[in-house]
Amino acid sequence: MAIPVVQETFVKAFRHIDELSDENIQQAWLAVTSRNAAIDVYRKRYRRLEIMGDWTELQTGTARRDIEMFAEKEYIRELLLHIKPLHRQALLLIYKNGLTYEQLACIQKSSVNTVKARTHRAKLKLRSMIQVEIVR
C-alpha cells in the first residue's frame, strides 16, 4: 500500500511545486496530500474486497473490525462538529496529520502559545462531551 501512496503524493507534489513556496506549508500540504492518497488507496482496495464477496470477508476477519473502526471514526467526527473550527483544525492537524505546533502556528497565522491553548481547549471540550455521553 505504501508504494502507490508515495507515487501519488510525488506526482501531485511535482504538479504543484510552483504553488508551494513556504517550507512550513510544503510540509503541511505533503502531509495532507499523502493522507488523502492513503485513504484513496484503502478505499480502492476495500471496494475490491467487497466485489470478491462474503467469502473473503470471512477468511480475513477484517469486516467486523472495519465496521467498528468506521463507527468510532463517525462518532469522533460527530463530536468534532461541536468544536470551534480553529480548535478542530488544531486537533486534526496536530494529532491526525502530525504537524508541530510551530507549523500549525504558521498556517493559522498565530503564535505557538495560541495554538497550544486552542489544542488544549479542544481536548477539554472533547473530554467533556465524551463524559456526558458516558453518563447518559
N, C-alpha and C. Protein backbone atom coordinates (compact mmCIF):
# COMPACT_ATOMS: atom_id res chain seq x y z
N MET A 1 0.82 -1.19 0.00
CA MET A 1 0.00 0.00 0.00
C MET A 1 0.86 1.25 0.00
N ALA A 2 2.05 1.21 0.57
CA ALA A 2 2.87 2.40 0.71
C ALA A 2 3.38 2.93 -0.63
N ILE A 3 3.76 2.05 -1.53
CA ILE A 3 4.35 2.48 -2.80
C ILE A 3 3.35 3.29 -3.63
N PRO A 4 2.11 2.83 -3.82
CA PRO A 4 1.17 3.65 -4.59
C PRO A 4 0.91 5.02 -3.93
N VAL A 5 0.90 5.05 -2.61
CA VAL A 5 0.67 6.31 -1.89
C VAL A 5 1.83 7.28 -2.14
N VAL A 6 3.04 6.79 -2.03
CA VAL A 6 4.21 7.63 -2.26
C VAL A 6 4.23 8.13 -3.70
N GLN A 7 3.92 7.25 -4.64
CA GLN A 7 3.91 7.64 -6.05
C GLN A 7 2.87 8.72 -6.31
N GLU A 8 1.68 8.53 -5.80
CA GLU A 8 0.61 9.51 -6.00
C GLU A 8 0.97 10.85 -5.36
N THR A 9 1.54 10.82 -4.17
CA THR A 9 1.94 12.05 -3.49
C THR A 9 3.03 12.77 -4.28
N PHE A 10 4.00 12.02 -4.79
CA PHE A 10 5.08 12.61 -5.58
C PHE A 10 4.54 13.27 -6.84
N VAL A 11 3.63 12.61 -7.52
CA VAL A 11 3.05 13.17 -8.75
C VAL A 11 2.31 14.48 -8.44
N LYS A 12 1.52 14.48 -7.38
CA LYS A 12 0.79 15.70 -7.01
C LYS A 12 1.74 16.81 -6.60
N ALA A 13 2.79 16.46 -5.86
CA ALA A 13 3.77 17.47 -5.44
C ALA A 13 4.49 18.05 -6.65
N PHE A 14 4.83 17.20 -7.59
CA PHE A 14 5.51 17.66 -8.80
C PHE A 14 4.62 18.61 -9.60
N ARG A 15 3.33 18.31 -9.66
CA ARG A 15 2.38 19.16 -10.40
C ARG A 15 2.21 20.53 -9.75
N HIS A 16 2.31 20.58 -8.43
CA HIS A 16 2.03 21.82 -7.69
C HIS A 16 3.27 22.46 -7.09
N ILE A 17 4.44 22.10 -7.56
CA ILE A 17 5.68 22.58 -6.94
C ILE A 17 5.81 24.10 -7.01
N ASP A 18 5.29 24.72 -8.05
CA ASP A 18 5.39 26.18 -8.19
C ASP A 18 4.49 26.92 -7.20
N GLU A 19 3.43 26.27 -6.76
CA GLU A 19 2.47 26.90 -5.86
C GLU A 19 2.91 26.85 -4.39
N LEU A 20 3.87 26.00 -4.07
CA LEU A 20 4.28 25.79 -2.68
C LEU A 20 5.64 26.42 -2.44
N SER A 21 5.64 27.64 -1.94
CA SER A 21 6.92 28.33 -1.74
C SER A 21 7.41 28.25 -0.29
N ASP A 22 6.52 28.35 0.68
CA ASP A 22 6.90 28.34 2.10
C ASP A 22 7.14 26.90 2.57
N GLU A 23 8.25 26.67 3.27
CA GLU A 23 8.62 25.31 3.69
C GLU A 23 7.62 24.71 4.67
N ASN A 24 7.09 25.52 5.60
CA ASN A 24 6.11 25.00 6.56
C ASN A 24 4.82 24.58 5.86
N ILE A 25 4.42 25.35 4.87
CA ILE A 25 3.21 25.00 4.13
C ILE A 25 3.46 23.76 3.29
N GLN A 26 4.67 23.61 2.76
CA GLN A 26 5.01 22.42 1.98
C GLN A 26 4.83 21.17 2.82
N GLN A 27 5.33 21.21 4.04
CA GLN A 27 5.23 20.03 4.91
C GLN A 27 3.78 19.71 5.23
N ALA A 28 3.00 20.73 5.53
CA ALA A 28 1.58 20.51 5.84
C ALA A 28 0.85 19.98 4.61
N TRP A 29 1.14 20.57 3.46
CA TRP A 29 0.50 20.15 2.22
C TRP A 29 0.84 18.70 1.90
N LEU A 30 2.12 18.34 2.05
CA LEU A 30 2.54 16.96 1.79
C LEU A 30 1.86 15.98 2.76
N ALA A 31 1.74 16.39 4.01
CA ALA A 31 1.10 15.51 5.00
C ALA A 31 -0.36 15.25 4.63
N VAL A 32 -1.07 16.31 4.29
CA VAL A 32 -2.49 16.17 3.94
C VAL A 32 -2.63 15.39 2.63
N THR A 33 -1.80 15.70 1.65
CA THR A 33 -1.87 15.02 0.36
C THR A 33 -1.57 13.52 0.49
N SER A 34 -0.56 13.19 1.27
CA SER A 34 -0.23 11.76 1.43
C SER A 34 -1.31 11.03 2.21
N ARG A 35 -1.91 11.70 3.19
CA ARG A 35 -3.02 11.09 3.94
C ARG A 35 -4.19 10.82 3.02
N ASN A 36 -4.53 11.81 2.19
CA ASN A 36 -5.65 11.63 1.25
C ASN A 36 -5.36 10.52 0.24
N ALA A 37 -4.11 10.44 -0.22
CA ALA A 37 -3.74 9.38 -1.16
C ALA A 37 -3.87 8.01 -0.48
N ALA A 38 -3.47 7.92 0.78
CA ALA A 38 -3.59 6.66 1.51
C ALA A 38 -5.06 6.26 1.66
N ILE A 39 -5.91 7.22 1.93
CA ILE A 39 -7.34 6.94 2.05
C ILE A 39 -7.89 6.44 0.72
N ASP A 40 -7.49 7.09 -0.37
CA ASP A 40 -7.95 6.66 -1.70
C ASP A 40 -7.52 5.23 -2.01
N VAL A 41 -6.26 4.91 -1.71
CA VAL A 41 -5.76 3.55 -1.96
C VAL A 41 -6.53 2.54 -1.10
N TYR A 42 -6.78 2.88 0.14
CA TYR A 42 -7.53 1.99 1.03
C TYR A 42 -8.95 1.76 0.50
N ARG A 43 -9.59 2.84 0.06
CA ARG A 43 -10.96 2.71 -0.47
C ARG A 43 -11.00 1.82 -1.70
N LYS A 44 -10.02 1.99 -2.59
CA LYS A 44 -9.97 1.15 -3.79
C LYS A 44 -9.79 -0.31 -3.40
N ARG A 45 -8.90 -0.56 -2.45
CA ARG A 45 -8.64 -1.94 -2.00
C ARG A 45 -9.89 -2.52 -1.34
N TYR A 46 -10.57 -1.72 -0.54
CA TYR A 46 -11.76 -2.18 0.16
C TYR A 46 -12.87 -2.51 -0.83
N ARG A 47 -13.03 -1.66 -1.88
CA ARG A 47 -14.04 -1.94 -2.90
C ARG A 47 -13.74 -3.26 -3.60
N ARG A 48 -12.46 -3.51 -3.85
CA ARG A 48 -12.07 -4.76 -4.50
C ARG A 48 -12.47 -5.95 -3.63
N LEU A 49 -12.28 -5.83 -2.32
CA LEU A 49 -12.67 -6.91 -1.42
C LEU A 49 -14.18 -7.12 -1.41
N GLU A 50 -14.95 -6.02 -1.48
CA GLU A 50 -16.40 -6.15 -1.49
C GLU A 50 -16.86 -6.90 -2.74
N ILE A 51 -16.21 -6.64 -3.85
CA ILE A 51 -16.58 -7.31 -5.10
C ILE A 51 -16.34 -8.81 -4.99
N MET A 52 -15.28 -9.20 -4.28
CA MET A 52 -14.95 -10.61 -4.17
C MET A 52 -15.97 -11.37 -3.33
N GLY A 53 -16.75 -10.67 -2.51
CA GLY A 53 -17.85 -11.31 -1.81
C GLY A 53 -17.60 -11.65 -0.36
N ASP A 54 -18.58 -12.30 0.23
CA ASP A 54 -18.56 -12.62 1.65
C ASP A 54 -17.44 -13.59 2.03
N TRP A 55 -17.06 -14.46 1.14
CA TRP A 55 -16.03 -15.44 1.46
C TRP A 55 -14.72 -14.77 1.87
N THR A 56 -14.34 -13.74 1.17
CA THR A 56 -13.11 -13.01 1.51
C THR A 56 -13.23 -12.41 2.89
N GLU A 57 -14.38 -11.82 3.19
CA GLU A 57 -14.56 -11.20 4.50
C GLU A 57 -14.47 -12.25 5.61
N LEU A 58 -15.05 -13.42 5.37
CA LEU A 58 -14.97 -14.47 6.37
C LEU A 58 -13.53 -14.96 6.54
N GLN A 59 -12.79 -15.05 5.47
CA GLN A 59 -11.41 -15.52 5.53
C GLN A 59 -10.51 -14.52 6.25
N THR A 60 -10.66 -13.25 5.95
CA THR A 60 -9.75 -12.26 6.53
C THR A 60 -10.18 -11.83 7.92
N GLY A 61 -11.47 -11.86 8.19
CA GLY A 61 -11.95 -11.45 9.51
C GLY A 61 -11.86 -9.96 9.75
N THR A 62 -11.66 -9.18 8.70
CA THR A 62 -11.48 -7.74 8.90
C THR A 62 -12.77 -6.95 8.80
N ALA A 63 -13.81 -7.53 8.28
CA ALA A 63 -15.05 -6.78 8.07
C ALA A 63 -15.59 -6.21 9.39
N ARG A 64 -15.62 -7.03 10.41
CA ARG A 64 -16.14 -6.57 11.70
C ARG A 64 -15.27 -5.46 12.28
N ARG A 65 -13.94 -5.63 12.21
CA ARG A 65 -13.04 -4.59 12.71
C ARG A 65 -13.21 -3.30 11.92
N ASP A 66 -13.34 -3.42 10.60
CA ASP A 66 -13.53 -2.23 9.77
C ASP A 66 -14.81 -1.50 10.14
N ILE A 67 -15.86 -2.23 10.38
CA ILE A 67 -17.14 -1.62 10.76
C ILE A 67 -17.02 -0.92 12.11
N GLU A 68 -16.35 -1.57 13.06
CA GLU A 68 -16.17 -0.97 14.38
C GLU A 68 -15.32 0.29 14.29
N MET A 69 -14.25 0.23 13.50
CA MET A 69 -13.40 1.40 13.33
C MET A 69 -14.17 2.53 12.66
N PHE A 70 -14.98 2.19 11.65
CA PHE A 70 -15.78 3.19 10.97
C PHE A 70 -16.75 3.84 11.94
N ALA A 71 -17.39 3.06 12.79
CA ALA A 71 -18.35 3.59 13.77
C ALA A 71 -17.65 4.53 14.75
N GLU A 72 -16.46 4.15 15.21
CA GLU A 72 -15.70 5.01 16.12
C GLU A 72 -15.32 6.32 15.44
N LYS A 73 -14.88 6.23 14.20
CA LYS A 73 -14.50 7.44 13.47
C LYS A 73 -15.70 8.35 13.26
N GLU A 74 -16.84 7.76 12.94
CA GLU A 74 -18.05 8.56 12.75
C GLU A 74 -18.44 9.25 14.06
N TYR A 75 -18.32 8.55 15.18
CA TYR A 75 -18.63 9.12 16.49
C TYR A 75 -17.72 10.31 16.77
N ILE A 76 -16.44 10.15 16.50
CA ILE A 76 -15.49 11.23 16.73
C ILE A 76 -15.77 12.40 15.79
N ARG A 77 -16.09 12.10 14.54
CA ARG A 77 -16.44 13.18 13.58
C ARG A 77 -17.64 13.98 14.08
N GLU A 78 -18.62 13.28 14.62
CA GLU A 78 -19.80 13.96 15.15
C GLU A 78 -19.41 14.88 16.31
N LEU A 79 -18.55 14.39 17.19
CA LEU A 79 -18.11 15.21 18.31
C LEU A 79 -17.33 16.42 17.83
N LEU A 80 -16.48 16.22 16.84
CA LEU A 80 -15.65 17.32 16.32
C LEU A 80 -16.49 18.43 15.71
N LEU A 81 -17.68 18.11 15.23
CA LEU A 81 -18.55 19.14 14.65
C LEU A 81 -19.00 20.16 15.68
N HIS A 82 -18.94 19.79 16.95
CA HIS A 82 -19.39 20.68 18.02
C HIS A 82 -18.26 21.51 18.61
N ILE A 83 -17.11 21.49 17.99
CA ILE A 83 -15.95 22.26 18.45
C ILE A 83 -15.74 23.41 17.47
N LYS A 84 -15.25 24.54 17.98
CA LYS A 84 -14.99 25.69 17.12
C LYS A 84 -14.05 25.28 15.97
N PRO A 85 -14.25 25.85 14.79
CA PRO A 85 -13.45 25.45 13.62
C PRO A 85 -11.94 25.55 13.81
N LEU A 86 -11.44 26.61 14.42
CA LEU A 86 -9.99 26.73 14.63
C LEU A 86 -9.48 25.68 15.61
N HIS A 87 -10.29 25.37 16.61
CA HIS A 87 -9.91 24.34 17.58
C HIS A 87 -9.90 22.97 16.91
N ARG A 88 -10.92 22.71 16.09
CA ARG A 88 -11.00 21.44 15.36
C ARG A 88 -9.81 21.29 14.41
N GLN A 89 -9.48 22.37 13.71
CA GLN A 89 -8.33 22.34 12.80
C GLN A 89 -7.05 22.05 13.57
N ALA A 90 -6.89 22.67 14.72
CA ALA A 90 -5.69 22.44 15.53
C ALA A 90 -5.58 20.97 15.93
N LEU A 91 -6.67 20.40 16.42
CA LEU A 91 -6.64 18.98 16.82
C LEU A 91 -6.31 18.07 15.65
N LEU A 92 -6.99 18.27 14.55
CA LEU A 92 -6.80 17.38 13.41
C LEU A 92 -5.41 17.49 12.81
N LEU A 93 -4.92 18.69 12.65
CA LEU A 93 -3.61 18.84 12.01
C LEU A 93 -2.46 18.39 12.92
N ILE A 94 -2.63 18.53 14.21
CA ILE A 94 -1.56 18.11 15.12
C ILE A 94 -1.62 16.61 15.38
N TYR A 95 -2.79 16.10 15.72
CA TYR A 95 -2.87 14.69 16.12
C TYR A 95 -3.10 13.73 14.96
N LYS A 96 -3.80 14.16 13.94
CA LYS A 96 -4.07 13.27 12.83
C LYS A 96 -2.99 13.37 11.75
N ASN A 97 -2.54 14.58 11.47
CA ASN A 97 -1.58 14.78 10.39
C ASN A 97 -0.15 14.93 10.87
N GLY A 98 0.05 15.03 12.18
CA GLY A 98 1.40 15.05 12.72
C GLY A 98 2.15 16.37 12.60
N LEU A 99 1.44 17.47 12.43
CA LEU A 99 2.11 18.76 12.36
C LEU A 99 2.62 19.16 13.74
N THR A 100 3.63 19.98 13.77
CA THR A 100 4.13 20.52 15.03
C THR A 100 3.33 21.77 15.36
N TYR A 101 3.44 22.23 16.60
CA TYR A 101 2.77 23.47 16.99
C TYR A 101 3.28 24.64 16.15
N GLU A 102 4.56 24.64 15.87
CA GLU A 102 5.16 25.72 15.09
C GLU A 102 4.60 25.75 13.67
N GLN A 103 4.46 24.59 13.05
CA GLN A 103 3.91 24.52 11.69
C GLN A 103 2.47 24.99 11.67
N LEU A 104 1.69 24.56 12.65
CA LEU A 104 0.30 24.97 12.71
C LEU A 104 0.18 26.47 12.99
N ALA A 105 1.05 27.00 13.83
CA ALA A 105 1.05 28.44 14.10
C ALA A 105 1.28 29.22 12.82
N CYS A 106 2.17 28.72 11.98
CA CYS A 106 2.43 29.37 10.69
C CYS A 106 1.19 29.32 9.80
N ILE A 107 0.53 28.18 9.76
CA ILE A 107 -0.66 28.03 8.93
C ILE A 107 -1.79 28.92 9.42
N GLN A 108 -1.99 28.94 10.74
CA GLN A 108 -3.10 29.72 11.32
C GLN A 108 -2.73 31.18 11.53
N LYS A 109 -1.49 31.54 11.23
CA LYS A 109 -1.01 32.91 11.41
C LYS A 109 -1.26 33.40 12.84
N SER A 110 -0.79 32.59 13.79
CA SER A 110 -0.92 32.92 15.20
C SER A 110 0.33 32.45 15.93
N SER A 111 0.40 32.73 17.22
CA SER A 111 1.57 32.33 17.99
C SER A 111 1.49 30.86 18.39
N VAL A 112 2.62 30.30 18.76
CA VAL A 112 2.67 28.91 19.19
C VAL A 112 1.83 28.72 20.45
N ASN A 113 1.89 29.69 21.37
CA ASN A 113 1.09 29.58 22.60
C ASN A 113 -0.40 29.59 22.31
N THR A 114 -0.84 30.35 21.32
CA THR A 114 -2.25 30.37 20.94
C THR A 114 -2.67 29.01 20.40
N VAL A 115 -1.81 28.40 19.59
CA VAL A 115 -2.10 27.07 19.03
C VAL A 115 -2.19 26.04 20.15
N LYS A 116 -1.26 26.11 21.09
CA LYS A 116 -1.30 25.18 22.23
C LYS A 116 -2.58 25.36 23.04
N ALA A 117 -2.99 26.62 23.24
CA ALA A 117 -4.21 26.88 24.00
C ALA A 117 -5.44 26.35 23.26
N ARG A 118 -5.48 26.57 21.95
CA ARG A 118 -6.61 26.06 21.16
C ARG A 118 -6.69 24.54 21.23
N THR A 119 -5.54 23.90 21.12
CA THR A 119 -5.50 22.44 21.17
C THR A 119 -5.97 21.95 22.54
N HIS A 120 -5.51 22.59 23.59
CA HIS A 120 -5.90 22.21 24.95
C HIS A 120 -7.40 22.38 25.15
N ARG A 121 -7.94 23.53 24.71
CA ARG A 121 -9.38 23.77 24.86
C ARG A 121 -10.19 22.75 24.07
N ALA A 122 -9.72 22.40 22.89
CA ALA A 122 -10.44 21.41 22.07
C ALA A 122 -10.45 20.05 22.76
N LYS A 123 -9.31 19.66 23.36
CA LYS A 123 -9.26 18.37 24.06
C LYS A 123 -10.19 18.39 25.27
N LEU A 124 -10.22 19.50 26.00
CA LEU A 124 -11.12 19.60 27.15
C LEU A 124 -12.58 19.49 26.72
N LYS A 125 -12.93 20.14 25.62
CA LYS A 125 -14.30 20.09 25.12
C LYS A 125 -14.67 18.66 24.71
N LEU A 126 -13.75 17.98 23.99
CA LEU A 126 -14.00 16.59 23.61
C LEU A 126 -14.19 15.70 24.82
N ARG A 127 -13.31 15.86 25.81
CA ARG A 127 -13.43 15.04 27.03
C ARG A 127 -14.78 15.26 27.71
N SER A 128 -15.20 16.52 27.81
CA SER A 128 -16.46 16.79 28.49
C SER A 128 -17.64 16.21 27.70
N MET A 129 -17.60 16.28 26.37
CA MET A 129 -18.69 15.70 25.57
C MET A 129 -18.72 14.19 25.71
N ILE A 130 -17.56 13.55 25.75
CA ILE A 130 -17.50 12.10 25.90
C ILE A 130 -18.02 11.69 27.27
N GLN A 131 -17.66 12.44 28.32
CA GLN A 131 -18.12 12.11 29.66
C GLN A 131 -19.63 12.28 29.79
N VAL A 132 -20.18 13.28 29.10
CA VAL A 132 -21.64 13.47 29.11
C VAL A 132 -22.30 12.27 28.46
N GLU A 133 -21.72 11.76 27.36
CA GLU A 133 -22.27 10.58 26.69
C GLU A 133 -22.19 9.34 27.58
N ILE A 134 -21.09 9.19 28.33
CA ILE A 134 -20.91 8.03 29.20
C ILE A 134 -21.93 8.05 30.33
N VAL A 135 -22.22 9.23 30.87
CA VAL A 135 -23.17 9.35 31.98
C VAL A 135 -24.58 9.01 31.52
N ARG A 136 -24.90 9.32 30.27
CA ARG A 136 -26.26 9.03 29.76
C ARG A 136 -26.54 7.60 29.79
